[in-house]
């Protein structure tokens, strides 16, 4: 009987730990790929960096949540989570190409650019989440 209670808990904590680990890895990769340190900029009060970085994190989290909800194997959850991270990084690269001077504008705290970048990352994350069913 105890086994019937522990099995779901083990599954829950496995998915939770894996999801948090993927979120941390994604954040670290995202910071490495961008030409600035989002966390440093946020600590300095840069709202544009917070909006851009936050949108990417939330967008990625939506895809993770959808994967956890729809996939019954932890391995597939991790694989699809990794794919979702790649998609978010590709979105950033696309935005850099489409928005002239985006990195410097975010470093200069251009809130409009940060909000646009974060919103697009969030929107793609929601679409990505919907595709992972």
N, C-alpha and C. Protein backbone atom coordinates (compact mmCIF):
# COMPACT_ATOMS: atom_id res chain seq x y z
N UNK A 1 0.83 -1.20 0.00
CA UNK A 1 0.00 0.00 0.00
C UNK A 1 0.87 1.26 0.00
N UNK A 2 1.93 1.26 0.77
CA UNK A 2 2.83 2.40 0.78
C UNK A 2 3.43 2.64 -0.60
N UNK A 3 3.67 1.53 -1.29
CA UNK A 3 4.24 1.63 -2.64
C UNK A 3 3.30 2.44 -3.56
N UNK A 4 2.01 2.27 -3.43
CA UNK A 4 1.05 2.97 -4.29
C UNK A 4 1.07 4.48 -4.05
N UNK A 5 1.50 4.91 -2.86
CA UNK A 5 1.63 6.33 -2.57
C UNK A 5 2.98 6.88 -3.00
N UNK A 6 4.02 6.06 -2.91
CA UNK A 6 5.36 6.52 -3.23
C UNK A 6 5.61 6.64 -4.72
N UNK A 7 5.03 5.78 -5.50
CA UNK A 7 5.27 5.81 -6.95
C UNK A 7 4.90 7.16 -7.57
N UNK A 8 3.71 7.70 -7.30
CA UNK A 8 3.40 9.02 -7.87
C UNK A 8 4.31 10.13 -7.33
N UNK A 9 4.69 10.02 -6.05
CA UNK A 9 5.58 11.03 -5.48
C UNK A 9 6.95 11.00 -6.13
N UNK A 10 7.45 9.82 -6.38
CA UNK A 10 8.75 9.69 -7.05
C UNK A 10 8.66 10.27 -8.45
N UNK A 11 7.57 9.98 -9.15
CA UNK A 11 7.37 10.54 -10.49
C UNK A 11 7.30 12.06 -10.45
N UNK A 12 6.55 12.57 -9.51
CA UNK A 12 6.40 14.02 -9.36
C UNK A 12 7.76 14.68 -9.13
N UNK A 13 8.50 14.18 -8.16
CA UNK A 13 9.78 14.79 -7.84
C UNK A 13 10.80 14.59 -8.96
N UNK A 14 10.69 13.51 -9.71
CA UNK A 14 11.59 13.30 -10.86
C UNK A 14 11.34 14.36 -11.93
N UNK A 15 10.06 14.59 -12.24
CA UNK A 15 9.72 15.60 -13.23
C UNK A 15 10.06 17.01 -12.72
N UNK A 16 9.76 17.27 -11.46
CA UNK A 16 10.03 18.58 -10.89
C UNK A 16 11.54 18.88 -10.91
N UNK A 17 12.33 17.94 -10.42
CA UNK A 17 13.78 18.15 -10.39
C UNK A 17 14.34 18.30 -11.80
N UNK A 18 13.87 17.47 -12.72
CA UNK A 18 14.34 17.57 -14.11
C UNK A 18 13.94 18.90 -14.73
N UNK A 19 12.71 19.32 -14.48
CA UNK A 19 12.24 20.59 -15.03
C UNK A 19 13.01 21.78 -14.49
N UNK A 20 13.24 21.81 -13.20
CA UNK A 20 14.01 22.90 -12.60
C UNK A 20 15.45 22.88 -13.12
N UNK A 21 16.03 21.70 -13.23
CA UNK A 21 17.39 21.58 -13.76
C UNK A 21 17.45 22.09 -15.20
N UNK A 22 16.46 21.73 -16.02
CA UNK A 22 16.45 22.21 -17.41
C UNK A 22 16.27 23.72 -17.46
N UNK A 23 15.45 24.27 -16.57
CA UNK A 23 15.26 25.72 -16.53
C UNK A 23 16.57 26.42 -16.18
N UNK A 24 17.29 25.88 -15.22
CA UNK A 24 18.58 26.47 -14.83
C UNK A 24 19.59 26.37 -15.97
N UNK A 25 19.67 25.20 -16.60
CA UNK A 25 20.60 25.02 -17.72
C UNK A 25 20.23 25.97 -18.86
N UNK A 26 18.94 26.07 -19.15
CA UNK A 26 18.50 26.98 -20.21
C UNK A 26 18.91 28.42 -19.88
N UNK A 27 18.68 28.84 -18.65
CA UNK A 27 19.03 30.21 -18.25
C UNK A 27 20.54 30.45 -18.41
N UNK A 28 21.34 29.47 -17.99
CA UNK A 28 22.79 29.62 -18.11
C UNK A 28 23.22 29.69 -19.58
N UNK A 29 22.64 28.83 -20.42
CA UNK A 29 22.98 28.86 -21.85
C UNK A 29 22.54 30.17 -22.49
N UNK A 30 21.35 30.62 -22.14
CA UNK A 30 20.82 31.86 -22.70
C UNK A 30 21.74 33.02 -22.35
N UNK A 31 22.19 33.07 -21.11
CA UNK A 31 23.09 34.14 -20.67
C UNK A 31 24.43 34.04 -21.40
N UNK A 32 24.90 32.83 -21.64
CA UNK A 32 26.17 32.64 -22.36
C UNK A 32 26.06 33.06 -23.83
N UNK A 33 24.91 32.83 -24.43
CA UNK A 33 24.73 33.11 -25.85
C UNK A 33 24.55 34.60 -26.11
N UNK A 34 23.88 35.28 -25.22
CA UNK A 34 23.67 36.72 -25.41
C UNK A 34 24.98 37.46 -25.11
N UNK A 35 25.18 38.61 -25.73
CA UNK A 35 26.44 39.34 -25.52
C UNK A 35 26.48 40.14 -24.21
N UNK A 36 25.52 39.93 -23.36
CA UNK A 36 25.48 40.63 -22.08
C UNK A 36 24.98 39.66 -21.01
N UNK A 37 25.23 39.99 -19.77
CA UNK A 37 24.80 39.17 -18.64
C UNK A 37 23.47 39.72 -18.13
N UNK A 38 22.38 39.02 -18.49
CA UNK A 38 21.05 39.50 -18.10
C UNK A 38 20.92 39.70 -16.60
N UNK A 39 21.43 38.76 -15.82
CA UNK A 39 21.28 38.87 -14.37
C UNK A 39 22.01 40.09 -13.82
N UNK A 40 23.19 40.38 -14.35
CA UNK A 40 23.92 41.57 -13.93
C UNK A 40 23.12 42.83 -14.28
N UNK A 41 22.59 42.86 -15.51
CA UNK A 41 21.79 44.01 -15.92
C UNK A 41 20.53 44.16 -15.06
N UNK A 42 19.90 43.05 -14.74
CA UNK A 42 18.70 43.11 -13.90
C UNK A 42 19.06 43.64 -12.51
N UNK A 43 20.16 43.14 -11.96
CA UNK A 43 20.60 43.64 -10.64
C UNK A 43 20.86 45.15 -10.67
N UNK A 44 21.24 45.66 -11.84
CA UNK A 44 21.49 47.10 -12.00
C UNK A 44 20.21 47.88 -12.29
N UNK A 45 19.09 47.18 -12.37
CA UNK A 45 17.81 47.85 -12.59
C UNK A 45 17.39 47.96 -14.05
N UNK A 46 17.99 47.18 -14.93
CA UNK A 46 17.67 47.25 -16.35
C UNK A 46 16.37 46.48 -16.61
N UNK A 47 15.30 47.23 -16.81
CA UNK A 47 13.98 46.64 -17.03
C UNK A 47 13.91 45.92 -18.37
N UNK A 48 14.55 46.46 -19.39
CA UNK A 48 14.52 45.83 -20.72
C UNK A 48 15.12 44.43 -20.66
N UNK A 49 16.23 44.27 -19.96
CA UNK A 49 16.86 42.95 -19.83
C UNK A 49 15.95 42.00 -19.05
N UNK A 50 15.30 42.51 -18.02
CA UNK A 50 14.39 41.67 -17.22
C UNK A 50 13.21 41.19 -18.07
N UNK A 51 12.67 42.06 -18.88
CA UNK A 51 11.53 41.69 -19.73
C UNK A 51 11.93 40.67 -20.80
N UNK A 52 13.08 40.90 -21.42
CA UNK A 52 13.54 40.00 -22.47
C UNK A 52 13.88 38.63 -21.88
N UNK A 53 14.66 38.61 -20.84
CA UNK A 53 15.08 37.36 -20.20
C UNK A 53 13.88 36.64 -19.58
N UNK A 54 13.02 37.40 -18.91
CA UNK A 54 11.84 36.81 -18.29
C UNK A 54 10.91 36.18 -19.31
N UNK A 55 10.72 36.84 -20.45
CA UNK A 55 9.87 36.28 -21.50
C UNK A 55 10.42 34.97 -22.04
N UNK A 56 11.73 34.91 -22.20
CA UNK A 56 12.35 33.67 -22.68
C UNK A 56 12.19 32.56 -21.64
N UNK A 57 12.36 32.89 -20.36
CA UNK A 57 12.23 31.89 -19.31
C UNK A 57 10.78 31.39 -19.21
N UNK A 58 9.84 32.30 -19.26
CA UNK A 58 8.43 31.88 -19.16
C UNK A 58 8.02 31.09 -20.39
N UNK A 59 8.45 31.53 -21.57
CA UNK A 59 8.14 30.79 -22.79
C UNK A 59 8.68 29.37 -22.73
N UNK A 60 9.91 29.23 -22.27
CA UNK A 60 10.52 27.91 -22.11
C UNK A 60 9.74 27.10 -21.08
N UNK A 61 9.33 27.73 -20.00
CA UNK A 61 8.58 27.03 -18.94
C UNK A 61 7.24 26.51 -19.43
N UNK A 62 6.57 27.26 -20.31
CA UNK A 62 5.31 26.76 -20.88
C UNK A 62 5.55 25.46 -21.63
N UNK A 63 6.62 25.43 -22.42
CA UNK A 63 6.93 24.20 -23.17
C UNK A 63 7.25 23.06 -22.22
N UNK A 64 7.98 23.34 -21.15
CA UNK A 64 8.27 22.30 -20.16
C UNK A 64 6.98 21.79 -19.51
N UNK A 65 6.10 22.70 -19.16
CA UNK A 65 4.85 22.31 -18.51
C UNK A 65 4.02 21.43 -19.45
N UNK A 66 3.96 21.82 -20.71
CA UNK A 66 3.19 21.03 -21.67
C UNK A 66 3.81 19.65 -21.85
N UNK A 67 5.13 19.59 -21.90
CA UNK A 67 5.82 18.29 -22.02
C UNK A 67 5.52 17.41 -20.81
N UNK A 68 5.58 17.98 -19.63
CA UNK A 68 5.31 17.20 -18.42
C UNK A 68 3.88 16.70 -18.42
N UNK A 69 2.98 17.51 -18.91
CA UNK A 69 1.57 17.15 -18.92
C UNK A 69 1.26 16.05 -19.93
N UNK A 70 1.89 16.10 -21.09
CA UNK A 70 1.51 15.21 -22.18
C UNK A 70 2.39 13.98 -22.36
N UNK A 71 3.55 13.97 -21.77
CA UNK A 71 4.46 12.85 -21.99
C UNK A 71 4.52 11.96 -20.76
N UNK A 72 4.52 10.67 -20.98
CA UNK A 72 4.47 9.72 -19.88
C UNK A 72 5.82 9.13 -19.52
N UNK A 73 6.87 9.57 -20.19
CA UNK A 73 8.19 9.05 -19.88
C UNK A 73 9.14 10.21 -19.62
N UNK A 74 9.89 10.11 -18.55
CA UNK A 74 10.81 11.17 -18.16
C UNK A 74 11.83 11.45 -19.26
N UNK A 75 12.28 10.41 -19.94
CA UNK A 75 13.26 10.60 -21.01
C UNK A 75 12.72 11.50 -22.12
N UNK A 76 11.46 11.27 -22.49
CA UNK A 76 10.85 12.10 -23.53
C UNK A 76 10.64 13.53 -23.03
N UNK A 77 10.31 13.69 -21.78
CA UNK A 77 10.17 15.01 -21.17
C UNK A 77 11.48 15.79 -21.31
N UNK A 78 12.58 15.14 -21.01
CA UNK A 78 13.89 15.79 -21.09
C UNK A 78 14.25 16.09 -22.55
N UNK A 79 13.98 15.17 -23.45
CA UNK A 79 14.29 15.39 -24.88
C UNK A 79 13.49 16.56 -25.43
N UNK A 80 12.20 16.57 -25.16
CA UNK A 80 11.36 17.66 -25.66
C UNK A 80 11.68 18.98 -24.97
N UNK A 81 12.07 18.91 -23.71
CA UNK A 81 12.50 20.12 -23.01
C UNK A 81 13.75 20.71 -23.66
N UNK A 82 14.69 19.84 -24.02
CA UNK A 82 15.90 20.31 -24.69
C UNK A 82 15.55 20.94 -26.04
N UNK A 83 14.64 20.32 -26.77
CA UNK A 83 14.21 20.88 -28.05
C UNK A 83 13.56 22.25 -27.85
N UNK A 84 12.75 22.38 -26.82
CA UNK A 84 12.11 23.67 -26.53
C UNK A 84 13.16 24.74 -26.23
N UNK A 85 14.23 24.37 -25.53
CA UNK A 85 15.31 25.31 -25.26
C UNK A 85 16.00 25.76 -26.54
N UNK A 86 16.22 24.82 -27.44
CA UNK A 86 16.83 25.16 -28.73
C UNK A 86 15.93 26.13 -29.49
N UNK A 87 14.64 25.88 -29.46
CA UNK A 87 13.69 26.78 -30.16
C UNK A 87 13.79 28.19 -29.58
N UNK A 88 13.84 28.32 -28.27
CA UNK A 88 13.91 29.66 -27.65
C UNK A 88 15.22 30.37 -28.03
N UNK A 89 16.30 29.62 -28.12
CA UNK A 89 17.58 30.23 -28.50
C UNK A 89 17.56 30.65 -29.96
N UNK A 90 16.92 29.85 -30.81
CA UNK A 90 16.77 30.23 -32.21
C UNK A 90 15.92 31.49 -32.33
N UNK A 91 14.90 31.60 -31.50
CA UNK A 91 14.06 32.81 -31.50
C UNK A 91 14.92 34.03 -31.16
N UNK A 92 15.78 33.91 -30.15
CA UNK A 92 16.67 35.02 -29.80
C UNK A 92 17.54 35.41 -31.00
N UNK A 93 18.15 34.40 -31.65
CA UNK A 93 19.02 34.68 -32.81
C UNK A 93 18.23 35.36 -33.92
N UNK A 94 17.00 34.93 -34.13
CA UNK A 94 16.14 35.54 -35.14
C UNK A 94 15.83 37.00 -34.78
N UNK A 95 15.53 37.24 -33.51
CA UNK A 95 15.23 38.61 -33.08
C UNK A 95 16.43 39.53 -33.26
N UNK A 96 17.62 39.02 -32.98
CA UNK A 96 18.83 39.83 -33.15
C UNK A 96 18.98 40.25 -34.61
N UNK A 97 18.62 39.35 -35.52
CA UNK A 97 18.70 39.66 -36.96
C UNK A 97 17.60 40.65 -37.38
N UNK A 98 16.45 40.56 -36.76
CA UNK A 98 15.30 41.37 -37.19
C UNK A 98 15.24 42.75 -36.52
N UNK A 99 15.71 42.84 -35.30
CA UNK A 99 15.66 44.11 -34.57
C UNK A 99 17.07 44.68 -34.55
N UNK A 100 17.29 45.69 -35.35
CA UNK A 100 18.62 46.29 -35.47
C UNK A 100 19.14 46.73 -34.10
N UNK A 101 20.34 46.29 -33.78
CA UNK A 101 20.99 46.72 -32.55
C UNK A 101 20.31 46.24 -31.28
N UNK A 102 19.56 45.15 -31.34
CA UNK A 102 18.80 44.70 -30.17
C UNK A 102 19.67 44.52 -28.92
N UNK A 103 20.81 43.84 -29.00
CA UNK A 103 21.60 43.67 -27.77
C UNK A 103 22.01 45.00 -27.14
N UNK A 104 22.46 45.95 -27.94
CA UNK A 104 22.87 47.23 -27.37
C UNK A 104 21.67 48.01 -26.85
N UNK A 105 20.53 47.87 -27.52
CA UNK A 105 19.33 48.56 -27.04
C UNK A 105 18.87 47.99 -25.70
N UNK A 106 18.99 46.69 -25.53
CA UNK A 106 18.63 46.09 -24.24
C UNK A 106 19.62 46.54 -23.17
N UNK A 107 20.90 46.55 -23.50
CA UNK A 107 21.90 47.02 -22.53
C UNK A 107 21.67 48.47 -22.14
N UNK A 108 21.13 49.27 -23.06
CA UNK A 108 20.83 50.68 -22.80
C UNK A 108 19.46 50.87 -22.16
N UNK A 109 18.81 49.76 -21.80
CA UNK A 109 17.52 49.76 -21.10
C UNK A 109 16.38 50.31 -21.96
N UNK A 110 16.37 49.98 -23.24
CA UNK A 110 15.26 50.34 -24.11
C UNK A 110 14.13 49.36 -23.78
N UNK A 111 13.21 49.80 -22.95
CA UNK A 111 12.14 48.94 -22.44
C UNK A 111 11.25 48.42 -23.57
N UNK A 112 11.02 49.23 -24.58
CA UNK A 112 10.18 48.79 -25.70
C UNK A 112 10.80 47.58 -26.40
N UNK A 113 12.09 47.61 -26.62
CA UNK A 113 12.77 46.49 -27.28
C UNK A 113 12.76 45.26 -26.36
N UNK A 114 13.03 45.47 -25.08
CA UNK A 114 13.00 44.35 -24.13
C UNK A 114 11.62 43.71 -24.05
N UNK A 115 10.59 44.54 -24.04
CA UNK A 115 9.23 44.02 -23.97
C UNK A 115 8.87 43.28 -25.26
N UNK A 116 9.26 43.82 -26.39
CA UNK A 116 8.99 43.14 -27.66
C UNK A 116 9.71 41.79 -27.71
N UNK A 117 10.98 41.76 -27.35
CA UNK A 117 11.75 40.51 -27.36
C UNK A 117 11.15 39.50 -26.40
N UNK A 118 10.82 39.94 -25.20
CA UNK A 118 10.22 39.03 -24.22
C UNK A 118 8.86 38.53 -24.66
N UNK A 119 8.06 39.40 -25.26
CA UNK A 119 6.73 39.01 -25.71
C UNK A 119 6.80 38.00 -26.85
N UNK A 120 7.72 38.20 -27.76
CA UNK A 120 7.86 37.25 -28.87
C UNK A 120 8.35 35.91 -28.34
N UNK A 121 9.30 35.93 -27.42
CA UNK A 121 9.77 34.68 -26.81
C UNK A 121 8.64 33.96 -26.09
N UNK A 122 7.83 34.71 -25.40
CA UNK A 122 6.68 34.14 -24.69
C UNK A 122 5.67 33.55 -25.68
N UNK A 123 5.36 34.30 -26.74
CA UNK A 123 4.41 33.82 -27.74
C UNK A 123 4.90 32.54 -28.41
N UNK A 124 6.16 32.50 -28.77
CA UNK A 124 6.71 31.29 -29.39
C UNK A 124 6.70 30.13 -28.39
N UNK A 125 6.97 30.43 -27.12
CA UNK A 125 6.91 29.40 -26.09
C UNK A 125 5.52 28.80 -25.96
N UNK A 126 4.50 29.64 -26.05
CA UNK A 126 3.12 29.14 -25.97
C UNK A 126 2.80 28.28 -27.19
N UNK A 127 3.20 28.73 -28.37
CA UNK A 127 2.98 27.91 -29.58
C UNK A 127 3.75 26.60 -29.47
N UNK A 128 5.00 26.69 -29.03
CA UNK A 128 5.82 25.50 -28.84
C UNK A 128 5.14 24.53 -27.87
N UNK A 129 4.61 25.05 -26.79
CA UNK A 129 3.92 24.21 -25.79
C UNK A 129 2.73 23.49 -26.43
N UNK A 130 1.98 24.21 -27.24
CA UNK A 130 0.83 23.61 -27.90
C UNK A 130 1.22 22.51 -28.89
N UNK A 131 2.40 22.63 -29.46
CA UNK A 131 2.87 21.64 -30.44
C UNK A 131 3.39 20.37 -29.76
N UNK A 132 3.61 20.41 -28.48
CA UNK A 132 4.20 19.29 -27.75
C UNK A 132 3.14 18.36 -27.17
N UNK A 133 1.96 18.35 -27.73
CA UNK A 133 0.92 17.49 -27.19
C UNK A 133 0.89 16.14 -27.85
